[in-house]
Amino acid sequence: MNVDLSEFDHPTWFTAGATAAGYLVLLAVMTVLLFGIPFGLFYFLGVA
């Protein structure tokens, strides 16, 4: 039974970097949605 080891050769650092970048993008989007938009509304309405 021969095992082809090339199927386990994955770009680990690229995957880890893409995962971290995805989380950072998600964090940035959530920050804008949860803090930026309400602050902008209050700022333009003259409350803040």
C-alpha atoms as a PDB file:
ATOM      1  CA  MET A   1       0.000   0.000   0.000  1.00  0.00           C
ATOM      2  CA  ASN A   2       1.703   3.161  -1.222  1.00  0.00           C
ATOM      3  CA  VAL A   3       0.744   6.510   0.289  1.00  0.00           C
ATOM      4  CA  ASP A   4       1.110   9.618  -1.837  1.00  0.00           C
ATOM      5  CA  LEU A   5       2.544  12.169   0.599  1.00  0.00           C
ATOM      6  CA  SER A   6       2.064  15.058  -1.833  1.00  0.00           C
ATOM      7  CA  GLU A   7      -1.623  15.187  -0.900  1.00  0.00           C
ATOM      8  CA  PHE A   8      -0.579  16.404   2.566  1.00  0.00           C
ATOM      9  CA  ASP A   9       1.576  19.227   1.149  1.00  0.00           C
ATOM     10  CA  HIS A  10      -0.596  22.259   1.876  1.00  0.00           C
ATOM     11  CA  PRO A  11       0.366  25.943   2.000  1.00  0.00           C
ATOM     12  CA  THR A  12       0.001  26.234   5.762  1.00  0.00           C
ATOM     13  CA  TRP A  13       1.251  29.801   6.146  1.00  0.00           C
ATOM     14  CA  PHE A  14      -0.967  31.035   3.319  1.00  0.00           C
ATOM     15  CA  THR A  15      -3.976  29.413   4.966  1.00  0.00           C
ATOM     16  CA  ALA A  16      -3.121  30.865   8.378  1.00  0.00           C
ATOM     17  CA  GLY A  17      -2.561  34.317   6.872  1.00  0.00           C
ATOM     18  CA  ALA A  18      -5.812  34.194   4.930  1.00  0.00           C
ATOM     19  CA  THR A  19      -7.675  33.134   8.072  1.00  0.00           C
ATOM     20  CA  ALA A  20      -6.178  36.003  10.063  1.00  0.00           C
ATOM     21  CA  ALA A  21      -6.933  38.471   7.264  1.00  0.00           C
ATOM     22  CA  GLY A  22     -10.511  37.227   7.087  1.00  0.00           C
ATOM     23  CA  TYR A  23     -10.983  37.714  10.812  1.00  0.00           C
ATOM     24  CA  LEU A  24      -9.479  41.215  10.607  1.00  0.00           C
ATOM     25  CA  VAL A  25     -11.805  42.159   7.758  1.00  0.00           C
ATOM     26  CA  LEU A  26     -14.769  40.778   9.693  1.00  0.00           C
ATOM     27  CA  LEU A  27     -13.679  42.680  12.799  1.00  0.00           C
ATOM     28  CA  ALA A  28     -13.351  45.904  10.804  1.00  0.00           C
ATOM     29  CA  VAL A  29     -16.792  45.471   9.229  1.00  0.00           C
ATOM     30  CA  MET A  30     -18.417  44.713  12.581  1.00  0.00           C
ATOM     31  CA  THR A  31     -16.688  47.726  14.172  1.00  0.00           C
ATOM     32  CA  VAL A  32     -18.016  50.028  11.467  1.00  0.00           C
ATOM     33  CA  LEU A  33     -21.512  48.551  11.713  1.00  0.00           C
ATOM     34  CA  LEU A  34     -21.699  48.596  15.499  1.00  0.00           C
ATOM     35  CA  PHE A  35     -19.844  51.836  16.275  1.00  0.00           C
ATOM     36  CA  GLY A  36     -19.217  53.874  13.129  1.00  0.00           C
ATOM     37  CA  ILE A  37     -22.748  54.046  11.769  1.00  0.00           C
ATOM     38  CA  PRO A  38     -24.421  54.936  15.105  1.00  0.00           C
ATOM     39  CA  PHE A  39     -21.738  57.550  15.828  1.00  0.00           C
ATOM     40  CA  GLY A  40     -22.223  59.030  12.358  1.00  0.00           C
ATOM     41  CA  LEU A  41     -25.986  59.191  12.823  1.00  0.00           C
ATOM     42  CA  PHE A  42     -25.696  60.874  16.210  1.00  0.00           C
ATOM     43  CA  TYR A  43     -23.022  63.238  14.900  1.00  0.00           C
ATOM     44  CA  PHE A  44     -25.104  64.381  11.937  1.00  0.00           C
ATOM     45  CA  LEU A  45     -28.239  64.660  14.078  1.00  0.00           C
ATOM     46  CA  GLY A  46     -26.376  66.920  16.491  1.00  0.00           C
ATOM     47  CA  VAL A  47     -26.706  64.649  19.525  1.00  0.00           C
ATOM     48  CA  ALA A  48     -23.020  63.908  20.012  1.00  0.00           C
END
